[in-house]
Protein backbone atom coordinates (compact mmCIF):
# COMPACT_ATOMS: atom_id res chain seq x y z
CA UNK A 1 6.98 8.38 23.10
CA UNK A 2 5.89 8.31 19.38
CA UNK A 3 6.32 6.20 16.43
CA UNK A 4 9.72 6.39 14.73
CA UNK A 5 10.86 4.40 11.62
CA UNK A 6 14.23 2.90 11.68
CA UNK A 7 15.08 5.17 8.82
CA UNK A 8 14.03 8.31 10.81
CA UNK A 9 16.52 10.86 12.08
CA UNK A 10 16.30 13.08 15.13
CA UNK A 11 15.71 16.42 13.38
CA UNK A 12 13.88 19.36 15.12
CA UNK A 13 10.55 20.59 13.70
CA UNK A 14 12.17 23.87 12.78
CA UNK A 15 14.70 22.08 10.58
CA UNK A 16 11.69 20.46 8.61
CA UNK A 17 9.88 23.95 8.34
CA UNK A 18 13.17 25.57 6.99
CA UNK A 19 13.43 22.73 4.45
CA UNK A 20 9.83 23.06 3.48
CA UNK A 21 10.03 26.92 3.08
CA UNK A 22 13.03 26.53 0.80
CA UNK A 23 11.36 23.90 -1.50
CA UNK A 24 8.29 26.11 -1.73
CA UNK A 25 10.35 29.09 -2.50
CA UNK A 26 12.21 27.19 -5.22
CA UNK A 27 8.95 26.00 -6.61
CA UNK A 28 7.43 29.38 -6.56
CA UNK A 29 10.54 30.89 -8.51
CA UNK A 30 10.22 28.07 -11.07
CA UNK A 31 6.67 28.81 -11.53
CA UNK A 32 7.06 32.48 -11.91
CA UNK A 33 9.93 31.89 -14.59
CA UNK A 34 7.51 29.45 -16.38
CA UNK A 35 4.82 32.08 -16.46
CA UNK A 36 7.18 34.58 -17.81
CA UNK A 37 8.17 32.18 -20.62
CA UNK A 38 4.48 31.44 -21.30
CA UNK A 39 3.60 35.20 -21.37
CA UNK A 40 5.71 35.79 -24.30
CA UNK A 41 3.96 33.44 -26.53
CA UNK A 42 0.58 33.14 -25.01
CA UNK A 43 -1.07 35.50 -27.43
CA UNK A 44 0.07 33.73 -30.60
CA UNK A 45 -0.55 30.24 -28.97
CA UNK A 46 -4.30 31.15 -28.05
CA UNK A 47 -5.41 33.73 -30.55
CA UNK A 48 -3.62 32.47 -33.83
CA UNK A 49 -3.66 28.81 -33.16
CA UNK A 50 -5.79 27.38 -30.43
CA UNK A 51 -8.87 29.56 -31.06
CA UNK A 52 -8.70 28.99 -34.74
CA UNK A 53 -8.45 25.23 -34.18
CA UNK A 54 -11.56 25.47 -31.87
CA UNK A 55 -13.45 27.55 -34.45
CA UNK A 56 -15.84 25.42 -36.34
CA UNK A 57 -16.03 27.99 -39.15
CA UNK A 58 -14.01 30.80 -40.61
CA UNK A 59 -14.15 34.37 -39.24
CA UNK A 60 -16.90 33.44 -36.96
CA UNK A 61 -15.17 33.89 -33.54
CA UNK A 62 -15.02 37.38 -31.72
CA UNK A 63 -14.09 38.77 -28.37
CA UNK A 64 -17.10 40.36 -26.92
CA UNK A 65 -15.93 41.13 -23.34
CA UNK A 66 -12.30 42.35 -23.16
CA UNK A 67 -12.21 42.20 -19.53
CA UNK A 68 -13.22 38.49 -19.44
CA UNK A 69 -10.71 37.73 -22.20
CA UNK A 70 -7.92 39.40 -20.33
CA UNK A 71 -8.65 37.32 -17.10
CA UNK A 72 -8.86 34.08 -19.27
CA UNK A 73 -5.47 35.08 -20.90
CA UNK A 74 -3.86 35.18 -17.35
CA UNK A 75 -5.55 32.07 -16.25
CA UNK A 76 -4.14 30.26 -19.28
CA UNK A 77 -0.67 31.55 -18.52
CA UNK A 78 -0.95 30.16 -14.95
CA UNK A 79 -2.25 26.80 -16.07
CA UNK A 80 0.59 26.56 -18.60
CA UNK A 81 3.18 27.63 -15.95
CA UNK A 82 1.82 24.85 -13.46
CA UNK A 83 1.73 22.22 -16.25
CA UNK A 84 5.59 23.10 -16.93
CA UNK A 85 6.27 22.99 -13.18
CA UNK A 86 4.84 19.53 -12.63
CA UNK A 87 8.19 17.59 -13.10
CA UNK A 88 10.04 19.95 -10.58
CA UNK A 89 7.06 19.70 -8.19
CA UNK A 90 6.98 15.89 -8.31
CA UNK A 91 10.77 15.78 -7.44
CA UNK A 92 10.46 18.13 -4.48
CA UNK A 93 7.45 16.39 -3.17
CA UNK A 94 9.21 13.05 -3.32
CA UNK A 95 12.41 14.21 -1.76
CA UNK A 96 10.79 15.97 1.20
CA UNK A 97 8.06 13.29 1.78
CA UNK A 98 10.16 9.95 1.29
CA UNK A 99 12.15 10.12 4.53
CA UNK A 100 8.83 10.03 6.64
CA UNK A 101 7.09 7.50 4.60
CA UNK A 102 6.85 3.76 4.73
CA UNK A 103 8.00 1.63 1.82
CA UNK A 104 4.54 0.86 0.25
CA UNK A 105 3.39 4.53 0.82
CA UNK A 106 6.37 5.67 -1.10
CA UNK A 107 5.79 3.23 -4.01
CA UNK A 108 2.28 4.48 -3.99
CA UNK A 109 3.22 8.29 -4.15
CA UNK A 110 5.91 7.68 -6.95
CA UNK A 111 3.35 5.81 -9.21
CA UNK A 112 0.58 8.41 -8.48
CA UNK A 113 3.01 11.26 -9.58
CA UNK A 114 4.29 9.45 -12.62
CA UNK A 115 1.13 7.61 -13.77
CA UNK A 116 -0.99 10.66 -12.88
CA UNK A 117 1.30 13.06 -14.85
CA UNK A 118 1.58 11.09 -17.98
CA UNK A 119 -2.06 9.95 -18.31
CA UNK A 120 -3.21 13.50 -17.45
CA UNK A 121 -0.91 15.05 -20.29
CA UNK A 122 -2.30 12.53 -22.87
CA UNK A 123 -5.79 12.88 -21.88
CA UNK A 124 -5.89 16.63 -21.51
CA UNK A 125 -3.91 17.03 -24.90
CA UNK A 126 -6.45 14.58 -26.61
CA UNK A 127 -9.23 16.66 -25.35
CA UNK A 128 -7.90 20.01 -26.28
CA UNK A 129 -6.73 19.27 -29.81
CA UNK A 130 -8.97 16.49 -30.98
CA UNK A 131 -12.27 15.89 -28.84
CA UNK A 132 -13.19 19.71 -28.18
CA UNK A 133 -12.57 20.71 -31.98
CA UNK A 134 -14.56 17.82 -33.14
CA UNK A 135 -17.28 18.52 -30.55
CA UNK A 136 -17.74 22.34 -31.88
CA UNK A 137 -17.71 21.30 -35.51
CA UNK A 138 -20.48 18.79 -34.88
CA UNK A 139 -22.51 21.28 -32.82
CA UNK A 140 -22.03 23.79 -35.75
CA UNK A 141 -23.10 21.33 -38.27
CA UNK A 142 -26.13 20.06 -36.10
CA UNK A 143 -27.44 23.64 -35.63
CA UNK A 144 -26.53 25.04 -39.02
CA UNK A 145 -29.33 27.18 -40.39
CA UNK A 146 -28.91 28.35 -43.97
CA UNK A 147 -28.81 32.10 -44.31
CA UNK A 148 -27.83 32.78 -40.62
CA UNK A 149 -23.97 33.69 -39.96
CA UNK A 150 -23.15 32.37 -36.65
CA UNK A 151 -20.69 34.11 -34.29
CA UNK A 152 -19.12 32.64 -31.13
CA UNK A 153 -17.48 34.25 -28.17
CA UNK A 154 -13.72 33.33 -28.01
CA UNK A 155 -13.75 33.92 -24.24
CA UNK A 156 -16.56 31.52 -23.92
CA UNK A 157 -14.90 28.79 -26.00
CA UNK A 158 -11.58 29.09 -24.11
CA UNK A 159 -13.35 29.16 -20.76
CA UNK A 160 -15.34 25.87 -21.54
CA UNK A 161 -12.21 24.23 -22.69
CA UNK A 162 -10.30 25.31 -19.55
CA UNK A 163 -13.08 24.02 -17.41
CA UNK A 164 -13.33 20.71 -19.13
CA UNK A 165 -9.77 19.98 -18.88
CA UNK A 166 -9.64 21.01 -15.20
CA UNK A 167 -12.51 18.62 -14.34
CA UNK A 168 -10.58 15.82 -16.40
CA UNK A 169 -7.35 16.65 -14.22
CA UNK A 170 -9.30 16.19 -10.78
CA UNK A 171 -11.30 13.06 -12.26
CA UNK A 172 -8.14 11.43 -13.27
CA UNK A 173 -6.11 12.09 -10.14
CA UNK A 174 -8.87 10.73 -7.99
CA UNK A 175 -9.30 7.40 -10.12
CA UNK A 176 -5.62 6.87 -10.21
CA UNK A 177 -5.30 7.52 -6.53
CA UNK A 178 -8.17 5.12 -5.83
CA UNK A 179 -6.81 2.33 -8.21
CA UNK A 180 -3.31 2.53 -6.66
CA UNK A 181 -4.77 2.47 -3.04
CA UNK A 182 -6.44 -0.81 -4.01
CA UNK A 183 -3.63 -2.32 -5.80
CA UNK A 184 -1.40 -1.64 -2.80
CA UNK A 185 -3.69 -2.95 -0.24
CA UNK A 186 -3.88 0.41 1.45
CA UNK A 187 -7.65 0.99 1.47
CA UNK A 188 -8.80 -2.24 3.11
CA UNK A 189 -11.32 -2.85 5.79
CA UNK A 190 -11.99 0.01 8.01
CA UNK A 191 -9.44 2.09 6.14
CA UNK A 192 -11.45 1.89 2.91
CA UNK A 193 -14.36 4.20 3.95
CA UNK A 194 -11.92 6.90 5.23
CA UNK A 195 -9.96 6.96 1.85
CA UNK A 196 -13.23 7.16 -0.03
CA UNK A 197 -14.23 10.11 2.10
CA UNK A 198 -10.89 11.83 1.62
CA UNK A 199 -10.87 11.27 -2.19
CA UNK A 200 -14.35 12.44 -2.64
CA UNK A 201 -14.08 15.40 -0.19
CA UNK A 202 -10.96 16.88 -1.66
CA UNK A 203 -12.08 16.36 -5.31
CA UNK A 204 -15.42 17.92 -4.88
CA UNK A 205 -14.02 20.83 -2.94
CA UNK A 206 -11.51 21.61 -5.76
CA UNK A 207 -14.04 21.47 -8.38
CA UNK A 208 -16.63 23.86 -6.36
CA UNK A 209 -13.53 26.24 -5.70
CA UNK A 210 -12.47 26.80 -9.31
CA UNK A 211 -15.44 26.17 -11.56
CA UNK A 212 -17.49 29.45 -11.89
CA UNK A 213 -21.17 29.51 -10.54
CA UNK A 214 -22.74 29.97 -13.96
CA UNK A 215 -21.28 26.71 -15.11
CA UNK A 216 -23.25 24.67 -12.39
CA UNK A 217 -24.10 22.09 -15.13
CA UNK A 218 -20.50 21.24 -15.69
CA UNK A 219 -19.79 21.39 -12.01
CA UNK A 220 -22.65 18.74 -11.36
CA UNK A 221 -21.47 16.51 -14.16
CA UNK A 222 -18.03 16.67 -12.86
CA UNK A 223 -18.96 15.66 -9.42
CA UNK A 224 -21.12 12.78 -10.69
CA UNK A 225 -18.45 11.53 -13.08
CA UNK A 226 -15.84 11.60 -10.16
CA UNK A 227 -18.15 9.91 -7.71
CA UNK A 228 -19.06 7.04 -10.15
CA UNK A 229 -15.58 6.50 -11.39
CA UNK A 230 -14.01 6.52 -7.96
CA UNK A 231 -16.56 4.08 -6.54
CA UNK A 232 -15.97 1.65 -9.47
CA UNK A 233 -12.26 1.88 -8.82
CA UNK A 234 -12.74 1.01 -5.20
CA UNK A 235 -15.18 -1.93 -5.93
CA UNK A 236 -13.78 -3.46 -9.19
CA UNK A 237 -9.94 -3.11 -8.69
CA UNK A 238 -8.35 -6.17 -7.09
CA UNK A 239 -5.14 -6.30 -5.03
CA UNK A 240 -1.92 -6.78 -6.71
CA UNK A 241 0.57 -9.58 -5.83
CA UNK A 242 2.66 -6.85 -3.98
CA UNK A 243 0.14 -5.58 -1.77
CA UNK A 244 0.12 -5.76 1.83
CA UNK A 245 -1.48 -8.94 3.18
CA UNK A 246 -5.28 -8.73 3.99
CA UNK A 247 -6.77 -9.70 7.35
CA UNK A 248 -10.39 -9.37 8.02
CA UNK A 249 -11.12 -7.26 11.22
CA UNK A 250 -12.93 -10.22 12.79
CA UNK A 251 -10.24 -12.86 12.11
CA UNK A 252 -7.89 -13.82 14.77
CA UNK A 253 -7.35 -16.41 17.65
CA UNK A 254 -9.19 -16.51 21.04
CA UNK A 255 -6.59 -16.92 23.85
CA UNK A 256 -7.16 -18.63 27.05
CA UNK A 257 -8.77 -15.70 28.49
CA UNK A 258 -11.18 -15.28 25.42
CA UNK A 259 -9.40 -12.24 24.10
CA UNK A 260 -9.14 -11.90 20.23
CA UNK A 261 -5.41 -11.98 19.27
CA UNK A 262 -4.51 -10.93 15.94
CA UNK A 263 -1.12 -12.78 15.17
CA UNK A 264 1.07 -12.21 12.18
CA UNK A 265 3.84 -14.80 11.29
CA UNK A 266 7.00 -13.16 9.83
CA UNK A 267 8.65 -15.62 7.66
CA UNK A 268 12.44 -14.83 8.05
CA UNK A 269 15.05 -16.97 6.34
CA UNK A 270 18.01 -15.47 8.36
CA UNK A 271 20.36 -15.25 5.29
CA UNK A 272 18.89 -18.42 3.77
CA UNK A 273 19.74 -20.70 6.70
CA UNK A 274 16.14 -21.28 7.73
CA UNK A 275 13.38 -22.18 5.10
CA UNK A 276 10.52 -19.69 4.93
CA UNK A 277 7.21 -21.56 5.74
CA UNK A 278 4.52 -21.83 3.02
CA UNK A 279 1.12 -20.24 3.22
CA UNK A 280 -0.58 -23.69 3.56
CA UNK A 281 1.38 -24.11 6.95
CA UNK A 282 0.08 -21.16 8.69
CA UNK A 283 -2.80 -21.98 11.20
CA UNK A 284 -6.08 -20.48 10.44
CA UNK A 285 -6.70 -17.29 12.06
CA UNK A 286 -3.30 -16.05 11.63
CA UNK A 287 -1.77 -13.83 8.73
CA UNK A 288 1.49 -14.67 6.99
CA UNK A 289 4.19 -11.94 6.32
CA UNK A 290 6.94 -13.46 4.13
CA UNK A 291 9.99 -11.08 4.84
CA UNK A 292 13.14 -13.25 4.18
CA UNK A 293 15.62 -10.56 4.97
CA UNK A 294 13.76 -9.30 8.05
CA UNK A 295 16.71 -9.31 10.45
CA UNK A 296 19.24 -7.62 8.09
CA UNK A 297 17.00 -5.08 6.39
CA UNK A 298 15.93 -1.70 7.65
CA UNK A 299 13.30 -1.55 4.97
CA UNK A 300 11.86 -4.79 6.14
CA UNK A 301 11.48 -3.86 9.67
CA UNK A 302 9.70 -0.52 8.46
CA UNK A 303 7.38 -2.71 6.33
CA UNK A 304 6.63 -4.74 9.55
CA UNK A 305 5.64 -1.66 11.38
CA UNK A 306 3.35 -0.48 8.59
CA UNK A 307 1.85 -3.98 8.30
CA UNK A 308 1.10 -3.97 12.05
CA UNK A 309 -0.54 -0.53 11.92
CA UNK A 310 -2.54 -1.56 8.76
CA UNK A 311 -3.72 -4.87 10.12
CA UNK A 312 -3.84 -3.81 13.60
CA UNK A 313 -1.94 -6.88 14.81
CA UNK A 314 -1.63 -7.67 18.63
CA UNK A 315 1.21 -10.28 18.23
CA UNK A 316 4.08 -10.91 15.78
CA UNK A 317 6.00 -14.25 15.76
CA UNK A 318 9.29 -14.34 13.99
CA UNK A 319 10.07 -17.75 12.61
CA UNK A 320 13.79 -17.76 11.92
CA UNK A 321 15.58 -15.40 14.37
CA UNK A 322 16.76 -16.74 17.64
CA UNK A 323 17.76 -15.47 20.97
CA UNK A 324 21.16 -14.44 19.74
CA UNK A 325 19.82 -12.49 16.86
CA UNK A 326 20.17 -8.70 17.41
CA UNK A 327 16.78 -6.99 16.56
CA UNK A 328 16.77 -3.16 16.35
CA UNK A 329 15.71 -1.67 19.66
CA UNK A 330 13.73 0.90 17.80
CA UNK A 331 11.52 -1.69 16.11
CA UNK A 332 10.71 -3.22 19.65
CA UNK A 333 9.90 0.10 20.86
CA UNK A 334 7.55 1.00 18.07
CA UNK A 335 5.88 -2.41 18.43
CA UNK A 336 5.36 -1.71 22.15
CA UNK A 337 3.87 1.63 21.29
CA UNK A 338 1.46 -0.11 18.89
CA UNK A 339 0.57 -2.49 21.64
CA UNK A 340 2.00 -5.45 19.60
CA UNK A 341 4.02 -8.16 21.39
CA UNK A 342 7.06 -9.72 19.49
CA UNK A 343 8.69 -12.87 19.92
CA UNK A 344 10.55 -15.61 18.08
CA UNK A 345 10.30 -19.34 17.27
CA UNK A 346 14.22 -19.66 17.11
CA UNK A 347 14.10 -21.88 14.22
CA UNK A 348 17.78 -21.10 13.42
CA UNK A 349 18.63 -23.21 16.52
CA UNK A 350 16.74 -26.15 14.76
CA UNK A 351 18.36 -25.71 11.26
CA UNK A 352 21.46 -27.81 12.03
CA UNK A 353 19.85 -30.79 13.71
CA UNK A 354 18.65 -32.67 10.79
CA UNK A 355 20.96 -35.27 9.13
CA UNK A 356 18.64 -35.06 6.08
CA UNK A 357 15.61 -33.06 5.26
CA UNK A 358 12.24 -34.34 6.52
CA UNK A 359 9.85 -35.53 3.96
CA UNK A 360 7.16 -33.27 5.54
CA UNK A 361 7.32 -29.61 4.54
CA UNK A 362 7.62 -27.12 7.45
CA UNK A 363 7.24 -29.87 10.01
CA UNK A 364 9.67 -28.08 12.35
CA UNK A 365 7.98 -24.72 12.10
CA UNK A 366 4.56 -26.24 12.65
CA UNK A 367 5.77 -28.35 15.57
CA UNK A 368 7.59 -25.32 17.23
CA UNK A 369 4.60 -23.15 16.72
CA UNK A 370 2.28 -25.72 18.32
CA UNK A 371 4.18 -25.58 21.69
CA UNK A 372 3.89 -21.83 21.99
CA UNK A 373 2.05 -21.14 25.30
CA UNK A 374 0.86 -17.69 24.03
CA UNK A 375 -1.99 -17.46 22.96
CA UNK A 376 -2.64 -21.06 23.92
CA UNK A 377 -2.21 -23.16 27.02
CA UNK A 378 0.95 -24.81 27.59
CA UNK A 379 -0.84 -28.02 28.95
CA UNK A 380 -2.67 -28.40 25.48
CA UNK A 381 0.56 -28.61 23.37
CA UNK A 382 0.44 -32.40 22.90
CA UNK A 383 -2.99 -32.14 21.73
CA UNK A 384 -2.15 -29.46 19.20
CA UNK A 385 0.80 -31.54 17.99
CA UNK A 386 -1.40 -34.81 17.99
CA UNK A 387 -3.81 -32.92 15.69
CA UNK A 388 -0.95 -31.90 13.36
CA UNK A 389 0.45 -35.37 13.07
CA UNK A 390 -2.92 -36.90 12.49
CA UNK A 391 -3.54 -34.75 9.45
CA UNK A 392 -0.31 -36.08 7.84
CA UNK A 393 -0.61 -39.28 5.57
CA UNK A 394 0.52 -42.40 7.39
CA UNK A 395 3.24 -42.95 4.64
CA UNK A 396 5.07 -39.77 5.63
CA UNK A 397 4.10 -39.48 9.42
CA UNK A 398 7.28 -39.36 11.87
CA UNK A 399 7.85 -42.71 13.55
CA UNK A 400 9.59 -40.87 16.60
CA UNK A 401 8.83 -37.72 18.58
CA UNK A 402 11.22 -36.68 21.19
CA UNK A 403 10.18 -34.33 23.96
CA UNK A 404 12.22 -32.11 26.30
CA UNK A 405 11.76 -29.43 28.80
CA UNK A 406 14.54 -27.34 27.27
CA UNK A 407 13.46 -24.38 25.37
CA UNK A 408 16.30 -24.67 22.84
CA UNK A 409 17.64 -28.16 21.40
CA UNK A 410 20.34 -29.60 23.53
CA UNK A 411 23.87 -29.63 22.17
CA UNK A 412 24.62 -32.55 19.91
CA UNK A 413 21.00 -33.48 19.01
CA UNK A 414 20.48 -35.03 15.64
CA UNK A 415 17.40 -35.77 13.86
CA UNK A 416 16.71 -38.23 11.04
CA UNK A 417 13.99 -37.55 8.32
CA UNK A 418 11.42 -39.68 10.31
CA UNK A 419 11.89 -37.87 13.74
CA UNK A 420 10.71 -34.65 15.31
CA UNK A 421 11.61 -32.70 18.35
CA UNK A 422 9.18 -31.21 20.65
CA UNK A 423 10.57 -28.49 23.01
CA UNK A 424 9.31 -26.59 26.10
CA UNK A 425 6.95 -29.41 27.07
CA UNK A 426 6.48 -31.32 30.34
CA UNK A 427 6.37 -35.01 30.70
CA UNK A 428 3.40 -36.61 28.63
CA UNK A 429 0.94 -38.49 30.55
CA UNK A 430 0.21 -42.28 29.66
CA UNK A 431 -2.82 -41.55 27.85
CA UNK A 432 -0.92 -38.96 25.60
CA UNK A 433 1.73 -41.66 24.82
CA UNK A 434 -0.91 -44.32 23.89
CA UNK A 435 -2.89 -41.65 21.65
CA UNK A 436 0.58 -41.01 19.97
CA UNK A 437 1.27 -44.69 19.58
CA UNK A 438 -2.08 -45.28 17.80
CA UNK A 439 -0.93 -42.96 15.22
CA UNK A 440 2.19 -44.92 14.76
CA UNK A 441 4.27 -42.22 16.54
CA UNK A 442 6.64 -43.27 19.40
CA UNK A 443 6.85 -40.40 22.06
CA UNK A 444 10.10 -40.69 23.74
CA UNK A 445 12.05 -38.49 26.01
CA UNK A 446 15.16 -36.88 24.53
CA UNK A 447 18.22 -38.25 26.11
CA UNK A 448 21.07 -35.68 26.81
CA UNK A 449 24.53 -36.69 25.59
């Protein structure tokens, strides 16, 4: 068995390879077409316009190496063709990769392609048409010697400009990738180091692969700049409000066998029937995942799978869904594959019990969670409920607590705002009844109608 999203389709590998070859062929054809278009005006663009823009003086630029000039001319054609192909490349990548990606991964890729493309176009244009001409002009003025006529190599100037722009592209893509990884909460905990290694490794390799060996100074400066900016992005950029929830690797709850359980509470409203718990109602050592439309949305189930993988959860507790709620079988299989156990609190069965809302927010959720026998012991249920009630102000504390051995509320049960229902418990002892009475809570057995 392998992990499969609810949106995945059973397609053979050969079909994916065929689709990949078609899309690569389409991109290659577009690249060749763009290069042919660039080839028609590259001489006028480079010789008459850009080289004259870079030149700090009149008639001081010459071509000393025709062979090198021809190679740079074709390299310029290739780079211009790649730039014009970027929109088509972005579309093909999104269409091909989206079906196999989780929702937050898809958003990350879209923003990387969009923000990366627009920012790179802006920065490279600024460098080519403003920064480098000003740089060459400043160097000319600083090194001017009266009576000496300077002469510059057009090939060397063009090579320098292309290398600078190439380094900028690699550095900006790396920095934007790191920023988005942090904003979406993907590079967290143990995953952070692996993402840092990937970005640094790919960036440094691409610089080493393209930059000529005689430009080792630019290579060193490019690697140093990439390393510093990416590390600053990883350390200084904070998580956004839409990022995946964080959960420290050492956090969790020890069960009765002293095993660390990493539990996620999924707040499902079941079509706005059940209120979603607030963050302050979640017990310490658990992580809260507010997914109001969990039981009716395929994207929500995919989000849950991604969160379980990212946070390495061992248990998932659904708040609203009940025993009658139909949960996607593929989701259950995926959670089993990830060694994650799923169960529900069935709060939807409690939604119609109250005549009026309780004054205590999320009281039904907290009581229902307290009687869970996993990861806690069943015989300690009353102790956990006692602790919850003792933390509530006496003015708002319930006056009556009804207990029943039934898992679900018996038919016809009604609760007033000053009453709570304790399910799935055995008969309390005399000491427990007295402890509750000291709190001002009468612990009574629920009488069946």
